Structures are given as structure tokens and as C-alpha cells.
PDB file of N, CA and C in Angstrom:
ATOM      1  N   MET A   1     -58.898  -6.876 -43.271  1.00  0.00           N
ATOM      2  CA  MET A   1     -57.827  -5.792 -43.367  1.00  0.00           C
ATOM      3  C   MET A   1     -57.147  -5.876 -44.843  1.00  0.00           C
ATOM      4  N   GLU A   2     -56.910  -5.115 -45.799  1.00  0.00           N
ATOM      5  CA  GLU A   2     -56.604  -4.996 -46.767  1.00  0.00           C
ATOM      6  C   GLU A   2     -54.932  -5.156 -47.144  1.00  0.00           C
ATOM      7  N   LYS A   3     -54.523  -6.011 -47.930  1.00  0.00           N
ATOM      8  CA  LYS A   3     -53.056  -6.421 -47.852  1.00  0.00           C
ATOM      9  C   LYS A   3     -52.314  -5.132 -48.654  1.00  0.00           C
ATOM     10  N   PRO A   4     -51.815  -4.430 -47.816  1.00  0.00           N
ATOM     11  CA  PRO A   4     -50.805  -2.769 -48.234  1.00  0.00           C
ATOM     12  C   PRO A   4     -49.489  -3.189 -49.330  1.00  0.00           C
ATOM     13  N   ASP A   5     -49.796  -2.228 -50.672  1.00  0.00           N
ATOM     14  CA  ASP A   5     -48.811  -2.480 -51.634  1.00  0.00           C
ATOM     15  C   ASP A   5     -47.713  -2.066 -50.576  1.00  0.00           C
ATOM     16  N   PHE A   6     -47.306  -1.143 -50.138  1.00  0.00           N
ATOM     17  CA  PHE A   6     -45.919  -1.101 -49.736  1.00  0.00           C
ATOM     18  C   PHE A   6     -46.015  -1.108 -48.107  1.00  0.00           C
ATOM     19  N   HIS A   7     -44.428  -1.689 -47.463  1.00  0.00           N
ATOM     20  CA  HIS A   7     -44.520  -2.005 -46.209  1.00  0.00           C
ATOM     21  C   HIS A   7     -42.901  -1.343 -46.333  1.00  0.00           C
ATOM     22  N   ILE A   8     -43.160   0.122 -45.312  1.00  0.00           N
ATOM     23  CA  ILE A   8     -42.118   0.855 -44.985  1.00  0.00           C
ATOM     24  C   ILE A   8     -41.885   0.285 -43.776  1.00  0.00           C
ATOM     25  N   PHE A   9     -40.400   0.136 -43.543  1.00  0.00           N
ATOM     26  CA  PHE A   9     -39.607  -0.032 -42.576  1.00  0.00           C
ATOM     27  C   PHE A   9     -38.875   1.053 -41.945  1.00  0.00           C
ATOM     28  N   VAL A  10     -38.809   2.267 -40.600  1.00  0.00           N
ATOM     29  CA  VAL A  10     -38.057   3.156 -40.342  1.00  0.00           C
ATOM     30  C   VAL A  10     -37.055   2.326 -39.455  1.00  0.00           C
ATOM     31  N   CYS A  11     -35.644   3.037 -39.607  1.00  0.00           N
ATOM     32  CA  CYS A  11     -35.086   2.229 -38.500  1.00  0.00           C
ATOM     33  C   CYS A  11     -35.168   3.242 -37.409  1.00  0.00           C
ATOM     34  N   ASN A  12     -35.109   2.476 -36.249  1.00  0.00           N
ATOM     35  CA  ASN A  12     -35.433   2.932 -35.075  1.00  0.00           C
ATOM     36  C   ASN A  12     -34.050   3.036 -34.554  1.00  0.00           C
ATOM     37  N   SER A  13     -33.025   1.690 -34.699  1.00  0.00           N
ATOM     38  CA  SER A  13     -32.114   1.540 -34.081  1.00  0.00           C
ATOM     39  C   SER A  13     -32.734   0.527 -32.296  1.00  0.00           C
ATOM     40  N   PHE A  14     -33.967   0.246 -32.715  1.00  0.00           N
ATOM     41  CA  PHE A  14     -34.258  -0.765 -31.329  1.00  0.00           C
ATOM     42  C   PHE A  14     -33.532  -1.794 -31.103  1.00  0.00           C
ATOM     43  N   ARG A  15     -32.762  -2.292 -29.728  1.00  0.00           N
ATOM     44  CA  ARG A  15     -31.665  -3.480 -29.374  1.00  0.00           C
ATOM     45  C   ARG A  15     -32.710  -4.260 -28.654  1.00  0.00           C
ATOM     46  N   VAL A  16     -32.633  -6.004 -28.630  1.00  0.00           N
ATOM     47  CA  VAL A  16     -33.217  -6.721 -27.814  1.00  0.00           C
ATOM     48  C   VAL A  16     -33.861  -6.244 -27.212  1.00  0.00           C
ATOM     49  N   SER A  17     -33.298  -5.463 -25.991  1.00  0.00           N
ATOM     50  CA  SER A  17     -33.577  -4.972 -24.823  1.00  0.00           C
ATOM     51  C   SER A  17     -35.017  -3.823 -25.087  1.00  0.00           C
ATOM     52  N   GLY A  18     -35.300  -3.538 -26.252  1.00  0.00           N
ATOM     53  CA  GLY A  18     -36.195  -2.661 -27.139  1.00  0.00           C
ATOM     54  C   GLY A  18     -35.655  -1.104 -27.278  1.00  0.00           C
ATOM     55  N   GLU A  19     -34.864  -0.701 -26.338  1.00  0.00           N
ATOM     56  CA  GLU A  19     -34.135   0.406 -25.819  1.00  0.00           C
ATOM     57  C   GLU A  19     -34.063   1.240 -27.222  1.00  0.00           C
ATOM     58  N   ALA A  20     -34.292   2.227 -27.751  1.00  0.00           N
ATOM     59  CA  ALA A  20     -33.435   2.518 -28.984  1.00  0.00           C
ATOM     60  C   ALA A  20     -32.441   3.876 -29.132  1.00  0.00           C
ATOM     61  N   GLN A  21     -31.159   3.051 -29.340  1.00  0.00           N
ATOM     62  CA  GLN A  21     -30.170   3.864 -28.836  1.00  0.00           C
ATOM     63  C   GLN A  21     -28.898   3.984 -29.833  1.00  0.00           C
ATOM     64  N   GLY A  22     -29.327   3.621 -31.549  1.00  0.00           N
ATOM     65  CA  GLY A  22     -28.438   3.483 -32.307  1.00  0.00           C
ATOM     66  C   GLY A  22     -28.651   4.800 -32.699  1.00  0.00           C
ATOM     67  N   VAL A  23     -27.793   4.781 -33.826  1.00  0.00           N
ATOM     68  CA  VAL A  23     -27.155   6.164 -34.916  1.00  0.00           C
ATOM     69  C   VAL A  23     -28.628   6.410 -35.633  1.00  0.00           C
ATOM     70  N   CYS A  24     -29.644   5.864 -35.966  1.00  0.00           N
ATOM     71  CA  CYS A  24     -30.860   6.421 -37.107  1.00  0.00           C
ATOM     72  C   CYS A  24     -31.654   6.984 -35.529  1.00  0.00           C
ATOM     73  N   ASN A  25     -32.326   5.984 -34.762  1.00  0.00           N
ATOM     74  CA  ASN A  25     -32.480   7.222 -33.333  1.00  0.00           C
ATOM     75  C   ASN A  25     -32.152   8.311 -33.197  1.00  0.00           C
ATOM     76  N   LYS A  26     -30.757   8.057 -32.524  1.00  0.00           N
ATOM     77  CA  LYS A  26     -30.234   9.676 -32.363  1.00  0.00           C
ATOM     78  C   LYS A  26     -30.189  10.755 -33.062  1.00  0.00           C
ATOM     79  N   GLN A  27     -30.335  10.320 -34.726  1.00  0.00           N
ATOM     80  CA  GLN A  27     -30.217  11.015 -35.458  1.00  0.00           C
ATOM     81  C   GLN A  27     -31.686  12.064 -36.288  1.00  0.00           C
ATOM     82  N   GLY A  28     -32.483  10.880 -35.151  1.00  0.00           N
ATOM     83  CA  GLY A  28     -33.984  11.810 -35.352  1.00  0.00           C
ATOM     84  C   GLY A  28     -35.024  10.742 -35.783  1.00  0.00           C
ATOM     85  N   ALA A  29     -34.549   9.420 -36.689  1.00  0.00           N
ATOM     86  CA  ALA A  29     -35.496   8.626 -37.406  1.00  0.00           C
ATOM     87  C   ALA A  29     -36.847   8.831 -36.937  1.00  0.00           C
ATOM     88  N   ALA A  30     -37.245   8.665 -35.794  1.00  0.00           N
ATOM     89  CA  ALA A  30     -38.827   8.982 -34.796  1.00  0.00           C
ATOM     90  C   ALA A  30     -39.227  10.087 -34.943  1.00  0.00           C
ATOM     91  N   GLN A  31     -38.532  10.956 -35.415  1.00  0.00           N
ATOM     92  CA  GLN A  31     -39.367  12.474 -35.379  1.00  0.00           C
ATOM     93  C   GLN A  31     -40.161  12.254 -37.017  1.00  0.00           C
ATOM     94  N   PHE A  32     -39.407  11.512 -37.909  1.00  0.00           N
ATOM     95  CA  PHE A  32     -40.285  11.273 -39.390  1.00  0.00           C
ATOM     96  C   PHE A  32     -41.679  10.484 -39.540  1.00  0.00           C
ATOM     97  N   LEU A  33     -41.720   9.470 -37.936  1.00  0.00           N
ATOM     98  CA  LEU A  33     -42.734   8.929 -38.553  1.00  0.00           C
ATOM     99  C   LEU A  33     -44.334   9.138 -38.178  1.00  0.00           C
ATOM    100  N   PRO A  34     -44.801  10.019 -38.225  1.00  0.00           N
ATOM    101  CA  PRO A  34     -45.950  11.044 -37.758  1.00  0.00           C
ATOM    102  C   PRO A  34     -45.751  12.244 -39.101  1.00  0.00           C
ATOM    103  N   TYR A  35     -44.968  12.209 -39.811  1.00  0.00           N
ATOM    104  CA  TYR A  35     -45.089  13.029 -41.221  1.00  0.00           C
ATOM    105  C   TYR A  35     -45.325  11.563 -41.789  1.00  0.00           C
ATOM    106  N   LEU A  36     -44.603  10.761 -42.000  1.00  0.00           N
ATOM    107  CA  LEU A  36     -44.641   9.983 -43.306  1.00  0.00           C
ATOM    108  C   LEU A  36     -46.007   9.181 -43.195  1.00  0.00           C
ATOM    109  N   GLU A  37     -46.460   9.074 -41.927  1.00  0.00           N
ATOM    110  CA  GLU A  37     -48.012   8.527 -41.792  1.00  0.00           C
ATOM    111  C   GLU A  37     -48.764   9.200 -42.452  1.00  0.00           C
ATOM    112  N   GLU A  38     -48.806  10.479 -41.692  1.00  0.00           N
ATOM    113  CA  GLU A  38     -49.561  11.986 -42.791  1.00  0.00           C
ATOM    114  C   GLU A  38     -49.323  11.663 -44.099  1.00  0.00           C
ATOM    115  N   GLU A  39     -48.334  11.942 -44.554  1.00  0.00           N
ATOM    116  CA  GLU A  39     -48.049  12.110 -45.896  1.00  0.00           C
ATOM    117  C   GLU A  39     -48.622  10.645 -46.770  1.00  0.00           C
ATOM    118  N   ILE A  40     -48.443   9.683 -46.357  1.00  0.00           N
ATOM    119  CA  ILE A  40     -49.069   8.820 -46.776  1.00  0.00           C
ATOM    120  C   ILE A  40     -50.769   8.576 -47.021  1.00  0.00           C
ATOM    121  N   LEU A  41     -51.329   8.747 -45.838  1.00  0.00           N
ATOM    122  CA  LEU A  41     -52.776   8.964 -45.889  1.00  0.00           C
ATOM    123  C   LEU A  41     -53.266  10.375 -46.849  1.00  0.00           C
ATOM    124  N   ASP A  42     -52.307  11.143 -46.715  1.00  0.00           N
ATOM    125  CA  ASP A  42     -52.958  12.550 -47.886  1.00  0.00           C
ATOM    126  C   ASP A  42     -53.062  11.910 -49.454  1.00  0.00           C
ATOM    127  N   ARG A  43     -51.715  11.180 -49.626  1.00  0.00           N
ATOM    128  CA  ARG A  43     -51.503  10.686 -50.941  1.00  0.00           C
ATOM    129  C   ARG A  43     -52.398   9.194 -51.699  1.00  0.00           C
ATOM    130  N   GLY A  44     -53.123   9.445 -50.201  1.00  0.00           N
ATOM    131  CA  GLY A  44     -53.529   7.722 -51.190  1.00  0.00           C
ATOM    132  C   GLY A  44     -53.063   6.759 -51.005  1.00  0.00           C
ATOM    133  N   LEU A  45     -51.991   6.665 -50.865  1.00  0.00           N
ATOM    134  CA  LEU A  45     -51.269   5.375 -50.695  1.00  0.00           C
ATOM    135  C   LEU A  45     -51.276   3.990 -49.739  1.00  0.00           C
ATOM    136  N   ASN A  46     -51.467   3.209 -50.187  1.00  0.00           N
ATOM    137  CA  ASN A  46     -51.794   1.749 -49.455  1.00  0.00           C
ATOM    138  C   ASN A  46     -50.509   1.538 -48.902  1.00  0.00           C
ATOM    139  N   ALA A  47     -49.855   2.210 -48.100  1.00  0.00           N
ATOM    140  CA  ALA A  47     -48.860   1.478 -47.177  1.00  0.00           C
ATOM    141  C   ALA A  47     -48.981   1.690 -45.583  1.00  0.00           C
ATOM    142  N   GLN A  48     -48.168   0.450 -45.472  1.00  0.00           N
ATOM    143  CA  GLN A  48     -47.770   0.510 -44.440  1.00  0.00           C
ATOM    144  C   GLN A  48     -46.430   0.635 -43.245  1.00  0.00           C
ATOM    145  N   VAL A  49     -46.667   1.375 -42.055  1.00  0.00           N
ATOM    146  CA  VAL A  49     -45.195   2.021 -41.451  1.00  0.00           C
ATOM    147  C   VAL A  49     -44.687   1.181 -40.457  1.00  0.00           C
ATOM    148  N   THR A  50     -43.467   0.671 -40.633  1.00  0.00           N
ATOM    149  CA  THR A  50     -43.100   0.205 -39.127  1.00  0.00           C
ATOM    150  C   THR A  50     -42.010   0.992 -38.484  1.00  0.00           C
ATOM    151  N   ALA A  51     -41.744   1.301 -37.604  1.00  0.00           N
ATOM    152  CA  ALA A  51     -40.862   1.754 -36.982  1.00  0.00           C
ATOM    153  C   ALA A  51     -40.243   0.129 -36.301  1.00  0.00           C
ATOM    154  N   CYS A  52     -38.719   0.036 -36.852  1.00  0.00           N
ATOM    155  CA  CYS A  52     -37.933  -1.183 -36.565  1.00  0.00           C
ATOM    156  C   CYS A  52     -36.824  -1.360 -35.778  1.00  0.00           C
ATOM    157  N   GLY A  53     -36.119  -2.097 -35.682  1.00  0.00           N
ATOM    158  CA  GLY A  53     -34.676  -2.288 -34.911  1.00  0.00           C
ATOM    159  C   GLY A  53     -33.715  -1.823 -35.967  1.00  0.00           C
ATOM    160  N   CYS A  54     -32.219  -2.050 -35.537  1.00  0.00           N
ATOM    161  CA  CYS A  54     -31.297  -1.656 -36.301  1.00  0.00           C
ATOM    162  C   CYS A  54     -31.240  -2.637 -37.043  1.00  0.00           C
ATOM    163  N   LEU A  55     -31.104  -1.863 -38.873  1.00  0.00           N
ATOM    164  CA  LEU A  55     -30.865  -2.143 -39.999  1.00  0.00           C
ATOM    165  C   LEU A  55     -29.952  -2.555 -40.614  1.00  0.00           C
ATOM    166  N   LYS A  56     -28.787  -2.439 -39.686  1.00  0.00           N
ATOM    167  CA  LYS A  56     -26.884  -2.708 -39.484  1.00  0.00           C
ATOM    168  C   LYS A  56     -26.494  -1.465 -40.901  1.00  0.00           C
ATOM    169  N   VAL A  57     -26.980  -0.316 -41.433  1.00  0.00           N
ATOM    170  CA  VAL A  57     -26.525   0.635 -41.978  1.00  0.00           C
ATOM    171  C   VAL A  57     -26.204   1.830 -41.777  1.00  0.00           C
ATOM    172  N   CYS A  58     -25.749   1.699 -40.337  1.00  0.00           N
ATOM    173  CA  CYS A  58     -25.955   2.910 -39.368  1.00  0.00           C
ATOM    174  C   CYS A  58     -24.705   4.202 -39.767  1.00  0.00           C
ATOM    175  N   ASP A  59     -23.876   3.432 -41.079  1.00  0.00           N
ATOM    176  CA  ASP A  59     -23.063   4.749 -41.462  1.00  0.00           C
ATOM    177  C   ASP A  59     -23.938   5.454 -42.447  1.00  0.00           C
ATOM    178  N   ARG A  60     -25.272   4.958 -42.612  1.00  0.00           N
ATOM    179  CA  ARG A  60     -25.972   5.893 -43.818  1.00  0.00           C
ATOM    180  C   ARG A  60     -27.347   5.723 -42.987  1.00  0.00           C
ATOM    181  N   GLY A  61     -26.958   6.463 -41.782  1.00  0.00           N
ATOM    182  CA  GLY A  61     -28.621   6.355 -41.300  1.00  0.00           C
ATOM    183  C   GLY A  61     -29.168   8.102 -41.167  1.00  0.00           C
ATOM    184  N   PRO A  62     -30.227   8.281 -40.778  1.00  0.00           N
ATOM    185  CA  PRO A  62     -31.108   7.729 -40.609  1.00  0.00           C
ATOM    186  C   PRO A  62     -31.830   6.572 -42.105  1.00  0.00           C
ATOM    187  N   ALA A  63     -32.090   4.973 -42.027  1.00  0.00           N
ATOM    188  CA  ALA A  63     -32.703   4.610 -42.979  1.00  0.00           C
ATOM    189  C   ALA A  63     -33.759   3.771 -42.995  1.00  0.00           C
ATOM    190  N   ILE A  64     -34.174   3.792 -44.301  1.00  0.00           N
ATOM    191  CA  ILE A  64     -35.800   3.499 -44.501  1.00  0.00           C
ATOM    192  C   ILE A  64     -35.284   2.274 -45.844  1.00  0.00           C
ATOM    193  N   VAL A  65     -36.203   0.939 -45.332  1.00  0.00           N
ATOM    194  CA  VAL A  65     -36.615   0.335 -46.344  1.00  0.00           C
ATOM    195  C   VAL A  65     -38.083  -0.022 -47.043  1.00  0.00           C
ATOM    196  N   VAL A  66     -37.769  -0.150 -48.000  1.00  0.00           N
ATOM    197  CA  VAL A  66     -39.415  -0.027 -48.810  1.00  0.00           C
ATOM    198  C   VAL A  66     -39.401  -1.714 -49.771  1.00  0.00           C
ATOM    199  N   TYR A  67     -40.606  -2.349 -48.509  1.00  0.00           N
ATOM    200  CA  TYR A  67     -40.565  -3.740 -49.309  1.00  0.00           C
ATOM    201  C   TYR A  67     -42.391  -3.748 -50.482  1.00  0.00           C
ATOM    202  N   PRO A  68     -42.567  -4.303 -51.253  1.00  0.00           N
ATOM    203  CA  PRO A  68     -41.847  -5.444 -51.695  1.00  0.00           C
ATOM    204  C   PRO A  68     -40.804  -5.216 -52.650  1.00  0.00           C
ATOM    205  N   ASN A  69     -40.531  -3.845 -52.901  1.00  0.00           N
ATOM    206  CA  ASN A  69     -39.408  -3.427 -53.969  1.00  0.00           C
ATOM    207  C   ASN A  69     -38.088  -3.643 -53.500  1.00  0.00           C
ATOM    208  N   ASN A  70     -37.764  -4.068 -52.171  1.00  0.00           N
ATOM    209  CA  ASN A  70     -36.676  -3.762 -51.590  1.00  0.00           C
ATOM    210  C   ASN A  70     -35.651  -3.187 -52.105  1.00  0.00           C
ATOM    211  N   ASP A  71     -36.292  -1.539 -51.738  1.00  0.00           N
ATOM    212  CA  ASP A  71     -35.389  -0.087 -51.735  1.00  0.00           C
ATOM    213  C   ASP A  71     -34.873   0.535 -50.507  1.00  0.00           C
ATOM    214  N   TRP A  72     -33.597   0.279 -50.383  1.00  0.00           N
ATOM    215  CA  TRP A  72     -32.873   0.478 -49.012  1.00  0.00           C
ATOM    216  C   TRP A  72     -32.630   2.190 -49.487  1.00  0.00           C
ATOM    217  N   TYR A  73     -32.867   2.720 -48.503  1.00  0.00           N
ATOM    218  CA  TYR A  73     -32.370   4.409 -48.606  1.00  0.00           C
ATOM    219  C   TYR A  73     -32.007   4.436 -47.700  1.00  0.00           C
ATOM    220  N   GLY A  74     -30.982   5.772 -47.711  1.00  0.00           N
ATOM    221  CA  GLY A  74     -29.709   5.828 -46.540  1.00  0.00           C
ATOM    222  C   GLY A  74     -29.770   7.474 -46.306  1.00  0.00           C
ATOM    223  N   ASN A  75     -29.278   7.578 -45.836  1.00  0.00           N
ATOM    224  CA  ASN A  75     -28.971   9.453 -44.902  1.00  0.00           C
ATOM    225  C   ASN A  75     -30.575   9.982 -44.703  1.00  0.00           C
ATOM    226  N   ILE A  76     -31.985   9.686 -44.792  1.00  0.00           N
ATOM    227  CA  ILE A  76     -32.982  10.281 -44.940  1.00  0.00           C
ATOM    228  C   ILE A  76     -33.191  10.820 -43.528  1.00  0.00           C
ATOM    229  N   ASP A  77     -32.824  12.164 -43.927  1.00  0.00           N
ATOM    230  CA  ASP A  77     -33.134  13.429 -42.724  1.00  0.00           C
ATOM    231  C   ASP A  77     -33.467  14.629 -43.004  1.00  0.00           C
ATOM    232  N   SER A  78     -34.395  14.334 -43.345  1.00  0.00           N
ATOM    233  CA  SER A  78     -35.381  15.476 -43.734  1.00  0.00           C
ATOM    234  C   SER A  78     -37.108  15.084 -44.422  1.00  0.00           C
ATOM    235  N   GLU A  79     -37.812  15.668 -43.962  1.00  0.00           N
ATOM    236  CA  GLU A  79     -39.008  15.433 -44.639  1.00  0.00           C
ATOM    237  C   GLU A  79     -38.886  15.484 -46.123  1.00  0.00           C
ATOM    238  N   GLU A  80     -38.432  16.331 -46.792  1.00  0.00           N
ATOM    239  CA  GLU A  80     -38.021  16.798 -48.198  1.00  0.00           C
ATOM    240  C   GLU A  80     -37.601  15.037 -48.722  1.00  0.00           C
ATOM    241  N   LYS A  81     -36.784  14.663 -48.068  1.00  0.00           N
ATOM    242  CA  LYS A  81     -36.167  13.287 -48.886  1.00  0.00           C
ATOM    243  C   LYS A  81     -37.045  12.133 -48.414  1.00  0.00           C
ATOM    244  N   ILE A  82     -38.026  11.894 -47.460  1.00  0.00           N
ATOM    245  CA  ILE A  82     -39.349  11.222 -47.390  1.00  0.00           C
ATOM    246  C   ILE A  82     -39.910  11.834 -48.386  1.00  0.00           C
ATOM    247  N   ASP A  83     -40.644  12.661 -48.809  1.00  0.00           N
ATOM    248  CA  ASP A  83     -41.467  13.047 -50.206  1.00  0.00           C
ATOM    249  C   ASP A  83     -40.899  12.819 -51.208  1.00  0.00           C
ATOM    250  N   GLN A  84     -39.184  12.424 -51.649  1.00  0.00           N
ATOM    251  CA  GLN A  84     -39.023  11.858 -52.863  1.00  0.00           C
ATOM    252  C   GLN A  84     -38.879  10.700 -52.939  1.00  0.00           C
ATOM    253  N   ILE A  85     -39.303   9.999 -51.552  1.00  0.00           N
ATOM    254  CA  ILE A  85     -39.734   8.609 -51.894  1.00  0.00           C
ATOM    255  C   ILE A  85     -40.870   8.272 -52.082  1.00  0.00           C
ATOM    256  N   LEU A  86     -41.638   9.225 -51.570  1.00  0.00           N
ATOM    257  CA  LEU A  86     -43.149   8.627 -51.642  1.00  0.00           C
ATOM    258  C   LEU A  86     -43.261   9.728 -52.754  1.00  0.00           C
ATOM    259  N   ASP A  87     -43.082  10.287 -53.356  1.00  0.00           N
ATOM    260  CA  ASP A  87     -42.927  10.371 -54.848  1.00  0.00           C
ATOM    261  C   ASP A  87     -42.865   9.310 -55.869  1.00  0.00           C
ATOM    262  N   ALA A  88     -41.458   8.736 -55.835  1.00  0.00           N
ATOM    263  CA  ALA A  88     -41.345   8.060 -56.355  1.00  0.00           C
ATOM    264  C   ALA A  88     -42.084   6.450 -56.287  1.00  0.00           C
ATOM    265  N   LEU A  89     -42.860   6.483 -55.009  1.00  0.00           N
ATOM    266  CA  LEU A  89     -43.664   4.951 -54.697  1.00  0.00           C
ATOM    267  C   LEU A  89     -44.642   5.659 -55.876  1.00  0.00           C
ATOM    268  N   GLU A  90     -45.385   6.960 -56.015  1.00  0.00           N
ATOM    269  CA  GLU A  90     -46.667   7.124 -56.308  1.00  0.00           C
ATOM    270  C   GLU A  90     -46.982   7.194 -57.689  1.00  0.00           C
ATOM    271  N   ASP A  91     -45.337   7.253 -58.375  1.00  0.00           N
ATOM    272  CA  ASP A  91     -44.839   6.993 -59.761  1.00  0.00           C
ATOM    273  C   ASP A  91     -44.457   5.599 -60.862  1.00  0.00           C
ATOM    274  N   GLY A  92     -44.326   4.739 -58.888  1.00  0.00           N
ATOM    275  CA  GLY A  92     -44.106   3.331 -59.476  1.00  0.00           C
ATOM    276  C   GLY A  92     -42.295   3.344 -60.027  1.00  0.00           C
ATOM    277  N   GLY A  93     -41.612   3.869 -59.310  1.00  0.00           N
ATOM    278  CA  GLY A  93     -40.205   3.865 -59.444  1.00  0.00           C
ATOM    279  C   GLY A  93     -39.599   4.130 -58.243  1.00  0.00           C
ATOM    280  N   THR A  94     -38.714   4.530 -58.172  1.00  0.00           N
ATOM    281  CA  THR A  94     -37.534   4.802 -57.146  1.00  0.00           C
ATOM    282  C   THR A  94     -36.713   6.028 -57.330  1.00  0.00           C
ATOM    283  N   ALA A  95     -36.446   6.449 -55.698  1.00  0.00           N
ATOM    284  CA  ALA A  95     -35.577   7.536 -55.737  1.00  0.00           C
ATOM    285  C   ALA A  95     -34.283   7.296 -55.571  1.00  0.00           C
ATOM    286  N   GLU A  96     -33.938   7.122 -57.112  1.00  0.00           N
ATOM    287  CA  GLU A  96     -32.216   6.578 -57.014  1.00  0.00           C
ATOM    288  C   GLU A  96     -31.382   7.012 -56.143  1.00  0.00           C
ATOM    289  N   ASP A  97     -31.489   8.433 -55.924  1.00  0.00           N
ATOM    290  CA  ASP A  97     -30.073   9.426 -55.790  1.00  0.00           C
ATOM    291  C   ASP A  97     -30.636   9.036 -53.916  1.00  0.00           C
ATOM    292  N   LEU A  98     -31.274   8.486 -53.252  1.00  0.00           N
ATOM    293  CA  LEU A  98     -31.431   7.936 -52.106  1.00  0.00           C
ATOM    294  C   LEU A  98     -31.053   6.638 -51.920  1.00  0.00           C
ATOM    295  N   ILE A  99     -30.588   6.306 -53.034  1.00  0.00           N
ATOM    296  CA  ILE A  99     -30.537   4.563 -52.713  1.00  0.00           C
ATOM    297  C   ILE A  99     -29.458   4.218 -51.956  1.00  0.00           C
ATOM    298  N   ILE A 100     -29.366   3.280 -51.021  1.00  0.00           N
ATOM    299  CA  ILE A 100     -27.913   2.757 -50.632  1.00  0.00           C
ATOM    300  C   ILE A 100     -27.421   1.656 -51.398  1.00  0.00           C
ATOM    301  N   THR A 101     -26.153   1.545 -51.918  1.00  0.00           N
ATOM    302  CA  THR A 101     -25.613   0.707 -53.053  1.00  0.00           C
ATOM    303  C   THR A 101     -24.914  -0.199 -52.385  1.00  0.00           C
TER     304      THR A 101
END
């Protein structure tokens, strides 16, 4: 397996018990996973997507973190915002207006 250029973590608010119950999950983060995966394939990006536990930025969720860039994105509540992030990755940059500061 080739090491991905990017690893994209999507907060799904999983708890130790495995139950998804936090803000990001309740605000629909899980519904964006298929779209994100499909867009990565369509764009030919070498990226891996992982649904993860709570990222502890609930007041800015749904949240996405992109490594190795260490870019933390907040309020990712639409496909358009996901497109902004992926557009920035394709261009070698960051979707600045979505960054959590």
C-alpha cells in the first residue's frame, strides 16, 4: 500500500464506548464521509479518510483535521466547504477561511 499524501480525520464524536453522541455527529459529520471519499477518488488525490473520536472543538464542529499539514477546519457543514478544503489540497494550500484558530 502506498503511503497517502494526506490523512483526513473527520470528527464523529465517538466516545470510549464506541458510541457516537457528540456535537459533530449530531450535526451530520457522518453524512459527509461518502461525499469526501468520492471527491478524493474523482480528483485523484492520494488521501485517506478516517472517522475519528471527539477532537474537542465542539463549539466549532463538525471538524476536520488534515495531516501532515496540521490544518484544523471547523463548521464543516456542507459539501461546498469540503470542496474548499479539497480544492486547497489540490492547489498545495489551505482553505484559510475555514481554519480553526
